[in-house]
Amino acid sequence: RWTKVGLTVNDTNGGVRGTATVRLTTETGGESTRVLTLVKED
C-alpha cells in the first residue's frame, strides 16, 4: 500500500516541478519512505 505523506509544487521560470513523499507499507508491516521528483509536461 502506498500512502501520500507530502506534496510540494514549484513554478520557476515557467517550469513546473514537484516532489511527492510516499510511504510503502508491505503486508508484513515493513515501511519504506521515498521522495519522487515530478515534472509537469503537456
Full PDB file with SEQRES, HELIX, SHEET, SSBOND, CRYST1, ORIGX, SCALE, CONECT and MASTER records, all heavy atoms in Angstrom:
SEQRES   1 A   42  ARG TRP THR LYS VAL GLY LEU THR VAL ASN ASP THR ASN          
SEQRES   2 A   42  GLY GLY VAL ARG GLY THR ALA THR VAL ARG LEU THR THR          
SEQRES   3 A   42  GLU THR GLY GLY GLU SER THR ARG VAL LEU THR LEU VAL          
SEQRES   4 A   42  LYS GLU ASP                                                  
SHEET    1 AA1 3 TRP A   2  THR A  12  0                                        
SHEET    2 AA1 3 GLY A  15  THR A  25 -1                                        
SHEET    3 AA1 3 GLU A  31  VAL A  39 -1                                        
CRYST1    1.000    1.000    1.000  90.00  90.00  90.00 P 1           1          
ORIGX1      1.000000  0.000000  0.000000        0.00000                         
ORIGX2      0.000000  1.000000  0.000000        0.00000                         
ORIGX3      0.000000  0.000000  1.000000        0.00000                         
SCALE1      1.000000  0.000000  0.000000        0.00000                         
SCALE2      0.000000  1.000000  0.000000        0.00000                         
SCALE3      0.000000  0.000000  1.000000        0.00000                         
ATOM      1  N   ARG A   1       0.846  -1.188   0.000  1.00  0.00           N  
ATOM      2  CA  ARG A   1       0.000   0.000   0.000  1.00  0.00           C  
ATOM      3  C   ARG A   1       0.887   1.246   0.000  1.00  0.00           C  
ATOM      4  O   ARG A   1       1.814   1.359   0.800  1.00  0.00           O  
ATOM      5  CB  ARG A   1      -0.903   0.014   1.231  1.00  0.00           C  
ATOM      6  CG  ARG A   1      -1.861   1.184   1.237  1.00  0.00           C  
ATOM      7  CD  ARG A   1      -2.750   1.193   2.458  1.00  0.00           C  
ATOM      8  NE  ARG A   1      -1.970   1.720   3.582  1.00  0.00           N  
ATOM      9  CZ  ARG A   1      -2.025   1.238   4.811  1.00  0.00           C  
ATOM     10  NH1 ARG A   1      -2.790   0.230   5.094  1.00  0.00           N  
ATOM     11  NH2 ARG A   1      -1.295   1.770   5.760  1.00  0.00           N  
ATOM     12  N   TRP A   2       0.609   2.178  -0.921  1.00  0.00           N  
ATOM     13  CA  TRP A   2       1.319   3.454  -0.978  1.00  0.00           C  
ATOM     14  C   TRP A   2       0.450   4.514  -0.321  1.00  0.00           C  
ATOM     15  O   TRP A   2      -0.743   4.598  -0.580  1.00  0.00           O  
ATOM     16  CB  TRP A   2       1.575   3.866  -2.422  1.00  0.00           C  
ATOM     17  CG  TRP A   2       2.590   3.036  -3.117  1.00  0.00           C  
ATOM     18  CD1 TRP A   2       2.339   1.968  -3.933  1.00  0.00           C  
ATOM     19  CD2 TRP A   2       3.997   3.163  -3.059  1.00  0.00           C  
ATOM     20  NE1 TRP A   2       3.518   1.432  -4.391  1.00  0.00           N  
ATOM     21  CE2 TRP A   2       4.563   2.156  -3.865  1.00  0.00           C  
ATOM     22  CE3 TRP A   2       4.862   4.042  -2.404  1.00  0.00           C  
ATOM     23  CZ2 TRP A   2       5.926   2.004  -4.036  1.00  0.00           C  
ATOM     24  CZ3 TRP A   2       6.228   3.883  -2.577  1.00  0.00           C  
ATOM     25  CH2 TRP A   2       6.737   2.881  -3.378  1.00  0.00           C  
ATOM     26  N   THR A   3       1.046   5.343   0.536  1.00  0.00           N  
ATOM     27  CA  THR A   3       0.342   6.433   1.184  1.00  0.00           C  
ATOM     28  C   THR A   3       1.083   7.736   0.898  1.00  0.00           C  
ATOM     29  O   THR A   3       2.299   7.804   1.085  1.00  0.00           O  
ATOM     30  CB  THR A   3       0.295   6.214   2.712  1.00  0.00           C  
ATOM     31  OG1 THR A   3      -0.293   4.949   2.981  1.00  0.00           O  
ATOM     32  CG2 THR A   3      -0.502   7.303   3.403  1.00  0.00           C  
ATOM     33  N   LYS A   4       0.353   8.741   0.448  1.00  0.00           N  
ATOM     34  CA  LYS A   4       0.968  10.046   0.208  1.00  0.00           C  
ATOM     35  C   LYS A   4       1.241  10.703   1.556  1.00  0.00           C  
ATOM     36  O   LYS A   4       0.366  10.822   2.396  1.00  0.00           O  
ATOM     37  CB  LYS A   4       0.047  10.935  -0.620  1.00  0.00           C  
ATOM     38  CG  LYS A   4       0.642  12.314  -0.906  1.00  0.00           C  
ATOM     39  CD  LYS A   4      -0.310  13.179  -1.705  1.00  0.00           C  
ATOM     40  CE  LYS A   4      -1.472  13.542  -0.835  1.00  0.00           C  
ATOM     41  NZ  LYS A   4      -2.367  14.533  -1.351  1.00  0.00           N  
ATOM     42  N   VAL A   5       2.488  11.122   1.768  1.00  0.00           N  
ATOM     43  CA  VAL A   5       2.884  11.758   3.019  1.00  0.00           C  
ATOM     44  C   VAL A   5       2.975  13.266   2.834  1.00  0.00           C  
ATOM     45  O   VAL A   5       2.610  14.035   3.714  1.00  0.00           O  
ATOM     46  CB  VAL A   5       4.236  11.187   3.523  1.00  0.00           C  
ATOM     47  CG1 VAL A   5       4.696  11.885   4.772  1.00  0.00           C  
ATOM     48  CG2 VAL A   5       4.123   9.685   3.744  1.00  0.00           C  
ATOM     49  N   GLY A   6       3.460  13.712   1.669  1.00  0.00           N  
ATOM     50  CA  GLY A   6       3.593  15.140   1.409  1.00  0.00           C  
ATOM     51  C   GLY A   6       3.719  15.418  -0.068  1.00  0.00           C  
ATOM     52  O   GLY A   6       4.057  14.536  -0.854  1.00  0.00           O  
ATOM     53  N   LEU A   7       3.425  16.674  -0.441  1.00  0.00           N  
ATOM     54  CA  LEU A   7       3.496  17.078  -1.840  1.00  0.00           C  
ATOM     55  C   LEU A   7       3.914  18.543  -1.898  1.00  0.00           C  
ATOM     56  O   LEU A   7       3.366  19.374  -1.180  1.00  0.00           O  
ATOM     57  CB  LEU A   7       2.140  16.901  -2.520  1.00  0.00           C  
ATOM     58  CG  LEU A   7       2.048  17.244  -3.990  1.00  0.00           C  
ATOM     59  CD1 LEU A   7       2.922  16.316  -4.816  1.00  0.00           C  
ATOM     60  CD2 LEU A   7       0.613  17.164  -4.454  1.00  0.00           C  
ATOM     61  N   THR A   8       4.899  18.840  -2.740  1.00  0.00           N  
ATOM     62  CA  THR A   8       5.380  20.204  -2.939  1.00  0.00           C  
ATOM     63  C   THR A   8       5.417  20.488  -4.430  1.00  0.00           C  
ATOM     64  O   THR A   8       5.871  19.649  -5.204  1.00  0.00           O  
ATOM     65  CB  THR A   8       6.806  20.375  -2.361  1.00  0.00           C  
ATOM     66  OG1 THR A   8       6.789  20.009  -0.992  1.00  0.00           O  
ATOM     67  CG2 THR A   8       7.292  21.792  -2.496  1.00  0.00           C  
ATOM     68  N   VAL A   9       4.937  21.682  -4.843  1.00  0.00           N  
ATOM     69  CA  VAL A   9       4.946  22.079  -6.249  1.00  0.00           C  
ATOM     70  C   VAL A   9       5.642  23.433  -6.362  1.00  0.00           C  
ATOM     71  O   VAL A   9       5.372  24.344  -5.578  1.00  0.00           O  
ATOM     72  CB  VAL A   9       3.508  22.172  -6.817  1.00  0.00           C  
ATOM     73  CG1 VAL A   9       3.523  22.691  -8.246  1.00  0.00           C  
ATOM     74  CG2 VAL A   9       2.825  20.821  -6.734  1.00  0.00           C  
ATOM     75  N   ASN A  10       6.547  23.565  -7.335  1.00  0.00           N  
ATOM     76  CA  ASN A  10       7.265  24.808  -7.593  1.00  0.00           C  
ATOM     77  C   ASN A  10       7.118  25.196  -9.052  1.00  0.00           C  
ATOM     78  O   ASN A  10       7.224  24.349  -9.930  1.00  0.00           O  
ATOM     79  CB  ASN A  10       8.756  24.650  -7.272  1.00  0.00           C  
ATOM     80  CG  ASN A  10       9.002  24.367  -5.820  1.00  0.00           C  
ATOM     81  OD1 ASN A  10       8.578  25.130  -4.965  1.00  0.00           O  
ATOM     82  ND2 ASN A  10       9.652  23.271  -5.531  1.00  0.00           N  
ATOM     83  N   ASP A  11       6.883  26.484  -9.301  1.00  0.00           N  
ATOM     84  CA  ASP A  11       6.819  27.028 -10.663  1.00  0.00           C  
ATOM     85  C   ASP A  11       7.947  28.041 -10.789  1.00  0.00           C  
ATOM     86  O   ASP A  11       7.871  29.141 -10.251  1.00  0.00           O  
ATOM     87  CB  ASP A  11       5.467  27.691 -10.899  1.00  0.00           C  
ATOM     88  CG  ASP A  11       5.287  28.164 -12.326  1.00  0.00           C  
ATOM     89  OD1 ASP A  11       6.274  28.201 -13.085  1.00  0.00           O  
ATOM     90  OD2 ASP A  11       4.153  28.507 -12.686  1.00  0.00           O  
ATOM     91  N   THR A  12       9.028  27.654 -11.478  1.00  0.00           N  
ATOM     92  CA  THR A  12      10.192  28.507 -11.626  1.00  0.00           C  
ATOM     93  C   THR A  12      10.464  28.743 -13.102  1.00  0.00           C  
ATOM     94  O   THR A  12      10.701  27.788 -13.842  1.00  0.00           O  
ATOM     95  CB  THR A  12      11.430  27.845 -10.970  1.00  0.00           C  
ATOM     96  OG1 THR A  12      11.110  27.508  -9.628  1.00  0.00           O  
ATOM     97  CG2 THR A  12      12.617  28.775 -11.001  1.00  0.00           C  
ATOM     98  N   ASN A  13      10.397  29.996 -13.524  1.00  0.00           N  
ATOM     99  CA  ASN A  13      10.666  30.365 -14.922  1.00  0.00           C  
ATOM    100  C   ASN A  13       9.837  29.543 -15.899  1.00  0.00           C  
ATOM    101  O   ASN A  13      10.340  29.098 -16.935  1.00  0.00           O  
ATOM    102  CB  ASN A  13      12.156  30.229 -15.241  1.00  0.00           C  
ATOM    103  CG  ASN A  13      13.010  31.181 -14.430  1.00  0.00           C  
ATOM    104  OD1 ASN A  13      12.574  32.282 -14.135  1.00  0.00           O  
ATOM    105  ND2 ASN A  13      14.189  30.756 -14.065  1.00  0.00           N  
ATOM    106  N   GLY A  14       8.580  29.275 -15.574  1.00  0.00           N  
ATOM    107  CA  GLY A  14       7.688  28.539 -16.464  1.00  0.00           C  
ATOM    108  C   GLY A  14       7.822  27.039 -16.405  1.00  0.00           C  
ATOM    109  O   GLY A  14       7.073  26.317 -17.044  1.00  0.00           O  
ATOM    110  N   GLY A  15       8.770  26.527 -15.635  1.00  0.00           N  
ATOM    111  CA  GLY A  15       8.926  25.078 -15.485  1.00  0.00           C  
ATOM    112  C   GLY A  15       8.288  24.620 -14.184  1.00  0.00           C  
ATOM    113  O   GLY A  15       8.658  25.076 -13.108  1.00  0.00           O  
ATOM    114  N   VAL A  16       7.288  23.775 -14.274  1.00  0.00           N  
ATOM    115  CA  VAL A  16       6.579  23.312 -13.082  1.00  0.00           C  
ATOM    116  C   VAL A  16       7.133  21.953 -12.677  1.00  0.00           C  
ATOM    117  O   VAL A  16       7.136  21.010 -13.461  1.00  0.00           O  
ATOM    118  CB  VAL A  16       5.057  23.233 -13.330  1.00  0.00           C  
ATOM    119  CG1 VAL A  16       4.333  22.787 -12.081  1.00  0.00           C  
ATOM    120  CG2 VAL A  16       4.515  24.571 -13.806  1.00  0.00           C  
ATOM    121  N   ARG A  17       7.631  21.884 -11.445  1.00  0.00           N  
ATOM    122  CA  ARG A  17       8.187  20.639 -10.898  1.00  0.00           C  
ATOM    123  C   ARG A  17       7.608  20.423  -9.514  1.00  0.00           C  
ATOM    124  O   ARG A  17       7.134  21.353  -8.874  1.00  0.00           O  
ATOM    125  CB  ARG A  17       9.706  20.710 -10.798  1.00  0.00           C  
ATOM    126  CG  ARG A  17      10.400  20.714 -12.130  1.00  0.00           C  
ATOM    127  CD  ARG A  17      11.904  20.683 -11.953  1.00  0.00           C  
ATOM    128  NE  ARG A  17      12.569  20.536 -13.227  1.00  0.00           N  
ATOM    129  CZ  ARG A  17      12.996  19.380 -13.717  1.00  0.00           C  
ATOM    130  NH1 ARG A  17      12.846  18.277 -13.030  1.00  0.00           N  
ATOM    131  NH2 ARG A  17      13.584  19.323 -14.892  1.00  0.00           N  
ATOM    132  N   GLY A  18       7.701  19.213  -9.066  1.00  0.00           N  
ATOM    133  CA  GLY A  18       7.205  18.917  -7.730  1.00  0.00           C  
ATOM    134  C   GLY A  18       7.919  17.721  -7.137  1.00  0.00           C  
ATOM    135  O   GLY A  18       8.663  17.009  -7.824  1.00  0.00           O  
ATOM    136  N   THR A  19       7.700  17.526  -5.859  1.00  0.00           N  
ATOM    137  CA  THR A  19       8.177  16.328  -5.183  1.00  0.00           C  
ATOM    138  C   THR A  19       7.011  15.728  -4.407  1.00  0.00           C  
ATOM    139  O   THR A  19       6.201  16.455  -3.830  1.00  0.00           O  
ATOM    140  CB  THR A  19       9.343  16.614  -4.208  1.00  0.00           C  
ATOM    141  OG1 THR A  19       8.922  17.590  -3.249  1.00  0.00           O  
ATOM    142  CG2 THR A  19      10.574  17.092  -4.928  1.00  0.00           C  
ATOM    143  N   ALA A  20       6.932  14.421  -4.439  1.00  0.00           N  
ATOM    144  CA  ALA A  20       5.926  13.698  -3.675  1.00  0.00           C  
ATOM    145  C   ALA A  20       6.655  12.755  -2.723  1.00  0.00           C  
ATOM    146  O   ALA A  20       7.537  12.003  -3.146  1.00  0.00           O  
ATOM    147  CB  ALA A  20       5.014  12.900  -4.603  1.00  0.00           C  
ATOM    148  N   THR A  21       6.320  12.841  -1.461  1.00  0.00           N  
ATOM    149  CA  THR A  21       6.866  11.922  -0.472  1.00  0.00           C  
ATOM    150  C   THR A  21       5.803  10.858  -0.226  1.00  0.00           C  
ATOM    151  O   THR A  21       4.657  11.182   0.104  1.00  0.00           O  
ATOM    152  CB  THR A  21       7.215  12.651   0.833  1.00  0.00           C  
ATOM    153  OG1 THR A  21       8.100  13.724   0.539  1.00  0.00           O  
ATOM    154  CG2 THR A  21       7.876  11.714   1.828  1.00  0.00           C  
ATOM    155  N   VAL A  22       6.161   9.596  -0.424  1.00  0.00           N  
ATOM    156  CA  VAL A  22       5.214   8.489  -0.271  1.00  0.00           C  
ATOM    157  C   VAL A  22       5.803   7.426   0.660  1.00  0.00           C  
ATOM    158  O   VAL A  22       7.010   7.280   0.770  1.00  0.00           O  
ATOM    159  CB  VAL A  22       4.856   7.852  -1.635  1.00  0.00           C  
ATOM    160  CG1 VAL A  22       4.115   8.841  -2.517  1.00  0.00           C  
ATOM    161  CG2 VAL A  22       6.089   7.349  -2.349  1.00  0.00           C  
ATOM    162  N   ARG A  23       4.910   6.718   1.332  1.00  0.00           N  
ATOM    163  CA  ARG A  23       5.325   5.641   2.219  1.00  0.00           C  
ATOM    164  C   ARG A  23       4.740   4.323   1.707  1.00  0.00           C  
ATOM    165  O   ARG A  23       3.548   4.217   1.468  1.00  0.00           O  
ATOM    166  CB  ARG A  23       4.842   5.890   3.639  1.00  0.00           C  
ATOM    167  CG  ARG A  23       5.279   4.796   4.616  1.00  0.00           C  
ATOM    168  CD  ARG A  23       4.835   5.069   6.047  1.00  0.00           C  
ATOM    169  NE  ARG A  23       5.369   6.338   6.504  1.00  0.00           N  
ATOM    170  CZ  ARG A  23       4.617   7.347   6.952  1.00  0.00           C  
ATOM    171  NH1 ARG A  23       3.315   7.248   6.986  1.00  0.00           N  
ATOM    172  NH2 ARG A  23       5.174   8.467   7.365  1.00  0.00           N  
ATOM    173  N   LEU A  24       5.595   3.327   1.528  1.00  0.00           N  
ATOM    174  CA  LEU A  24       5.178   1.990   1.119  1.00  0.00           C  
ATOM    175  C   LEU A  24       5.078   1.124   2.368  1.00  0.00           C  
ATOM    176  O   LEU A  24       6.017   1.052   3.161  1.00  0.00           O  
ATOM    177  CB  LEU A  24       6.205   1.381   0.161  1.00  0.00           C  
ATOM    178  CG  LEU A  24       6.034  -0.099  -0.164  1.00  0.00           C  
ATOM    179  CD1 LEU A  24       4.736  -0.329  -0.933  1.00  0.00           C  
ATOM    180  CD2 LEU A  24       7.217  -0.622  -0.937  1.00  0.00           C  
ATOM    181  N   THR A  25       3.919   0.487   2.548  1.00  0.00           N  
ATOM    182  CA  THR A  25       3.727  -0.440   3.655  1.00  0.00           C  
ATOM    183  C   THR A  25       3.448  -1.818   3.069  1.00  0.00           C  
ATOM    184  O   THR A  25       2.546  -1.980   2.250  1.00  0.00           O  
ATOM    185  CB  THR A  25       2.542  -0.007   4.542  1.00  0.00           C  
ATOM    186  OG1 THR A  25       2.756   1.338   4.961  1.00  0.00           O  
ATOM    187  CG2 THR A  25       2.406  -0.907   5.756  1.00  0.00           C  
ATOM    188  N   THR A  26       4.231  -2.821   3.480  1.00  0.00           N  
ATOM    189  CA  THR A  26       4.042  -4.184   2.990  1.00  0.00           C  
ATOM    190  C   THR A  26       3.064  -4.923   3.890  1.00  0.00           C  
ATOM    191  O   THR A  26       2.736  -4.466   4.993  1.00  0.00           O  
ATOM    192  CB  THR A  26       5.375  -4.950   2.952  1.00  0.00           C  
ATOM    193  OG1 THR A  26       5.847  -5.113   4.293  1.00  0.00           O  
ATOM    194  CG2 THR A  26       6.414  -4.227   2.114  1.00  0.00           C  
ATOM    195  N   GLU A  27       2.613  -6.078   3.441  1.00  0.00           N  
ATOM    196  CA  GLU A  27       1.654  -6.855   4.231  1.00  0.00           C  
ATOM    197  C   GLU A  27       2.241  -7.347   5.551  1.00  0.00           C  
ATOM    198  O   GLU A  27       1.510  -7.649   6.480  1.00  0.00           O  
ATOM    199  CB  GLU A  27       1.102  -8.020   3.419  1.00  0.00           C  
ATOM    200  CG  GLU A  27       2.134  -9.052   3.029  1.00  0.00           C  
ATOM    201  CD  GLU A  27       1.566 -10.128   2.135  1.00  0.00           C  
ATOM    202  OE1 GLU A  27       0.499  -9.946   1.542  1.00  0.00           O  
ATOM    203  OE2 GLU A  27       2.216 -11.169   2.030  1.00  0.00           O  
ATOM    204  N   THR A  28       3.570  -7.406   5.638  1.00  0.00           N  
ATOM    205  CA  THR A  28       4.203  -7.839   6.890  1.00  0.00           C  
ATOM    206  C   THR A  28       4.448  -6.672   7.847  1.00  0.00           C  
ATOM    207  O   THR A  28       4.990  -6.855   8.924  1.00  0.00           O  
ATOM    208  CB  THR A  28       5.552  -8.533   6.610  1.00  0.00           C  
ATOM    209  OG1 THR A  28       6.418  -7.616   5.930  1.00  0.00           O  
ATOM    210  CG2 THR A  28       5.346  -9.797   5.783  1.00  0.00           C  
ATOM    211  N   GLY A  29       4.049  -5.448   7.434  1.00  0.00           N  
ATOM    212  CA  GLY A  29       4.178  -4.285   8.298  1.00  0.00           C  
ATOM    213  C   GLY A  29       5.443  -3.475   8.080  1.00  0.00           C  
ATOM    214  O   GLY A  29       5.645  -2.460   8.729  1.00  0.00           O  
ATOM    215  N   GLY A  30       6.304  -3.897   7.164  1.00  0.00           N  
ATOM    216  CA  GLY A  30       7.510  -3.132   6.856  1.00  0.00           C  
ATOM    217  C   GLY A  30       7.153  -1.833   6.165  1.00  0.00           C  
ATOM    218  O   GLY A  30       6.190  -1.762   5.417  1.00  0.00           O  
ATOM    219  N   GLU A  31       7.918  -0.781   6.443  1.00  0.00           N  
ATOM    220  CA  GLU A  31       7.662   0.516   5.822  1.00  0.00           C  
ATOM    221  C   GLU A  31       8.928   1.070   5.189  1.00  0.00           C  
ATOM    222  O   GLU A  31      10.032   0.841   5.680  1.00  0.00           O  
ATOM    223  CB  GLU A  31       7.152   1.529   6.857  1.00  0.00           C  
ATOM    224  CG  GLU A  31       5.765   1.242   7.352  1.00  0.00           C  
ATOM    225  CD  GLU A  31       5.258   2.344   8.254  1.00  0.00           C  
ATOM    226  OE1 GLU A  31       6.042   3.202   8.712  1.00  0.00           O  
ATOM    227  OE2 GLU A  31       4.036   2.348   8.499  1.00  0.00           O  
ATOM    228  N   SER A  32       8.720   1.806   4.096  1.00  0.00           N  
ATOM    229  CA  SER A  32       9.818   2.458   3.400  1.00  0.00           C  
ATOM    230  C   SER A  32       9.286   3.779   2.858  1.00  0.00           C  
ATOM    231  O   SER A  32       8.205   3.822   2.275  1.00  0.00           O  
ATOM    232  CB  SER A  32      10.307   1.575   2.252  1.00  0.00           C  
ATOM    233  OG  SER A  32      11.315   2.219   1.527  1.00  0.00           O  
ATOM    234  N   THR A  33      10.019   4.876   3.075  1.00  0.00           N  
ATOM    235  CA  THR A  33       9.604   6.189   2.590  1.00  0.00           C  
ATOM    236  C   THR A  33      10.473   6.581   1.404  1.00  0.00           C  
ATOM    237  O   THR A  33      11.684   6.388   1.423  1.00  0.00           O  
ATOM    238  CB  THR A  33       9.718   7.237   3.711  1.00  0.00           C  
ATOM    239  OG1 THR A  33       8.892   6.825   4.810  1.00  0.00           O  
ATOM    240  CG2 THR A  33       9.261   8.602   3.240  1.00  0.00           C  
ATOM    241  N   ARG A  34       9.844   7.132   0.376  1.00  0.00           N  
ATOM    242  CA  ARG A  34      10.543   7.545  -0.839  1.00  0.00           C  
ATOM    243  C   ARG A  34      10.132   8.969  -1.206  1.00  0.00           C  
ATOM    244  O   ARG A  34       8.986   9.360  -1.000  1.00  0.00           O  
ATOM    245  CB  ARG A  34      10.188   6.637  -2.025  1.00  0.00           C  
ATOM    246  CG  ARG A  34      10.563   5.195  -1.851  1.00  0.00           C  
ATOM    247  CD  ARG A  34      12.050   5.011  -2.097  1.00  0.00           C  
ATOM    248  NE  ARG A  34      12.399   3.607  -2.110  1.00  0.00           N  
ATOM    249  CZ  ARG A  34      13.036   2.993  -1.142  1.00  0.00           C  
ATOM    250  NH1 ARG A  34      13.387   3.644  -0.072  1.00  0.00           N  
ATOM    251  NH2 ARG A  34      13.345   1.723  -1.229  1.00  0.00           N  
ATOM    252  N   VAL A  35      11.071   9.719  -1.787  1.00  0.00           N  
ATOM    253  CA  VAL A  35      10.774  11.043  -2.328  1.00  0.00           C  
ATOM    254  C   VAL A  35      10.904  10.939  -3.846  1.00  0.00           C  
ATOM    255  O   VAL A  35      11.954  10.567  -4.365  1.00  0.00           O  
ATOM    256  CB  VAL A  35      11.744  12.113  -1.770  1.00  0.00           C  
ATOM    257  CG1 VAL A  35      11.459  13.459  -2.412  1.00  0.00           C  
ATOM    258  CG2 VAL A  35      11.625  12.201  -0.250  1.00  0.00           C  
ATOM    259  N   LEU A  36       9.819  11.240  -4.553  1.00  0.00           N  
ATOM    260  CA  LEU A  36       9.776  11.147  -6.006  1.00  0.00           C  
ATOM    261  C   LEU A  36       9.774  12.555  -6.603  1.00  0.00           C  
ATOM    262  O   LEU A  36       9.015  13.421  -6.162  1.00  0.00           O  
ATOM    263  CB  LEU A  36       8.506  10.411  -6.456  1.00  0.00           C  
ATOM    264  CG  LEU A  36       8.279   9.026  -5.837  1.00  0.00           C  
ATOM    265  CD1 LEU A  36       6.916   8.491  -6.244  1.00  0.00           C  
ATOM    266  CD2 LEU A  36       9.375   8.079  -6.246  1.00  0.00           C  
ATOM    267  N   THR A  37      10.623  12.791  -7.594  1.00  0.00           N  
ATOM    268  CA  THR A  37      10.664  14.067  -8.290  1.00  0.00           C  
ATOM    269  C   THR A  37       9.735  13.995  -9.493  1.00  0.00           C  
ATOM    270  O   THR A  37       9.784  13.040 -10.268  1.00  0.00           O  
ATOM    271  CB  THR A  37      12.098  14.399  -8.741  1.00  0.00           C  
ATOM    272  OG1 THR A  37      12.937  14.406  -7.589  1.00  0.00           O  
ATOM    273  CG2 THR A  37      12.168  15.754  -9.414  1.00  0.00           C  
ATOM    274  N   LEU A  38       8.882  15.014  -9.639  1.00  0.00           N  
ATOM    275  CA  LEU A  38       7.886  15.040 -10.702  1.00  0.00           C  
ATOM    276  C   LEU A  38       8.078  16.279 -11.566  1.00  0.00           C  
ATOM    277  O   LEU A  38       8.563  17.308 -11.094  1.00  0.00           O  
ATOM    278  CB  LEU A  38       6.474  15.076 -10.103  1.00  0.00           C  
ATOM    279  CG  LEU A  38       6.156  13.994  -9.081  1.00  0.00           C  
ATOM    280  CD1 LEU A  38       4.873  14.345  -8.345  1.00  0.00           C  
ATOM    281  CD2 LEU A  38       6.032  12.653  -9.763  1.00  0.00           C  
ATOM    282  N   VAL A  39       7.687  16.186 -12.821  1.00  0.00           N  
ATOM    283  CA  VAL A  39       7.705  17.321 -13.738  1.00  0.00           C  
ATOM    284  C   VAL A  39       6.365  17.337 -14.481  1.00  0.00           C  
ATOM    285  O   VAL A  39       5.809  16.281 -14.792  1.00  0.00           O  
ATOM    286  CB  VAL A  39       8.904  17.245 -14.719  1.00  0.00           C  
ATOM    287  CG1 VAL A  39       8.832  16.026 -15.608  1.00  0.00           C  
ATOM    288  CG2 VAL A  39       9.023  18.510 -15.532  1.00  0.00           C  
ATOM    289  N   LYS A  40       5.839  18.535 -14.727  1.00  0.00           N  
ATOM    290  CA  LYS A  40       4.570  18.652 -15.450  1.00  0.00           C  
ATOM    291  C   LYS A  40       4.872  18.936 -16.913  1.00  0.00           C  
ATOM    292  O   LYS A  40       5.487  19.950 -17.253  1.00  0.00           O  
ATOM    293  CB  LYS A  40       3.707  19.758 -14.858  1.00  0.00           C  
ATOM    294  CG  LYS A  40       2.280  19.709 -15.328  1.00  0.00           C  
ATOM    295  CD  LYS A  40       1.410  20.603 -14.491  1.00  0.00           C  
ATOM    296  CE  LYS A  40      -0.039  20.389 -14.845  1.00  0.00           C  
ATOM    297  NZ  LYS A  40      -0.913  21.254 -14.033  1.00  0.00           N  
ATOM    298  N   GLU A  41       4.452  18.026 -17.787  1.00  0.00           N  
ATOM    299  CA  GLU A  41       4.664  18.138 -19.231  1.00  0.00           C  
ATOM    300  C   GLU A  41       3.342  17.913 -19.949  1.00  0.00           C  
ATOM    301  O   GLU A  41       2.653  16.931 -19.684  1.00  0.00           O  
ATOM    302  CB  GLU A  41       5.676  17.088 -19.714  1.00  0.00           C  
ATOM    303  CG  GLU A  41       7.060  17.264 -19.158  1.00  0.00           C  
ATOM    304  CD  GLU A  41       8.006  16.150 -19.607  1.00  0.00           C  
ATOM    305  OE1 GLU A  41       7.510  15.092 -20.056  1.00  0.00           O  
ATOM    306  OE2 GLU A  41       9.223  16.331 -19.482  1.00  0.00           O  
ATOM    307  N   ASP A  42       3.015  18.828 -20.838  1.00  0.00           N  
ATOM    308  CA  ASP A  42       1.763  18.720 -21.629  1.00  0.00           C  
ATOM    309  C   ASP A  42       0.555  18.500 -20.748  1.00  0.00           C  
ATOM    310  O   ASP A  42      -0.354  17.734 -21.073  1.00  0.00           O  
ATOM    311  CB  ASP A  42       1.877  17.591 -22.660  1.00  0.00           C  
ATOM    312  CG  ASP A  42       3.017  17.810 -23.649  1.00  0.00           C  
ATOM    313  OD1 ASP A  42       3.250  18.989 -24.022  1.00  0.00           O  
ATOM    314  OD2 ASP A  42       3.681  16.834 -24.017  1.00  0.00           O  
TER     315      ASP A  42                                                      
MASTER        0    0    0    0    3    0    0    6  314    1    0    4          
END                                                                             
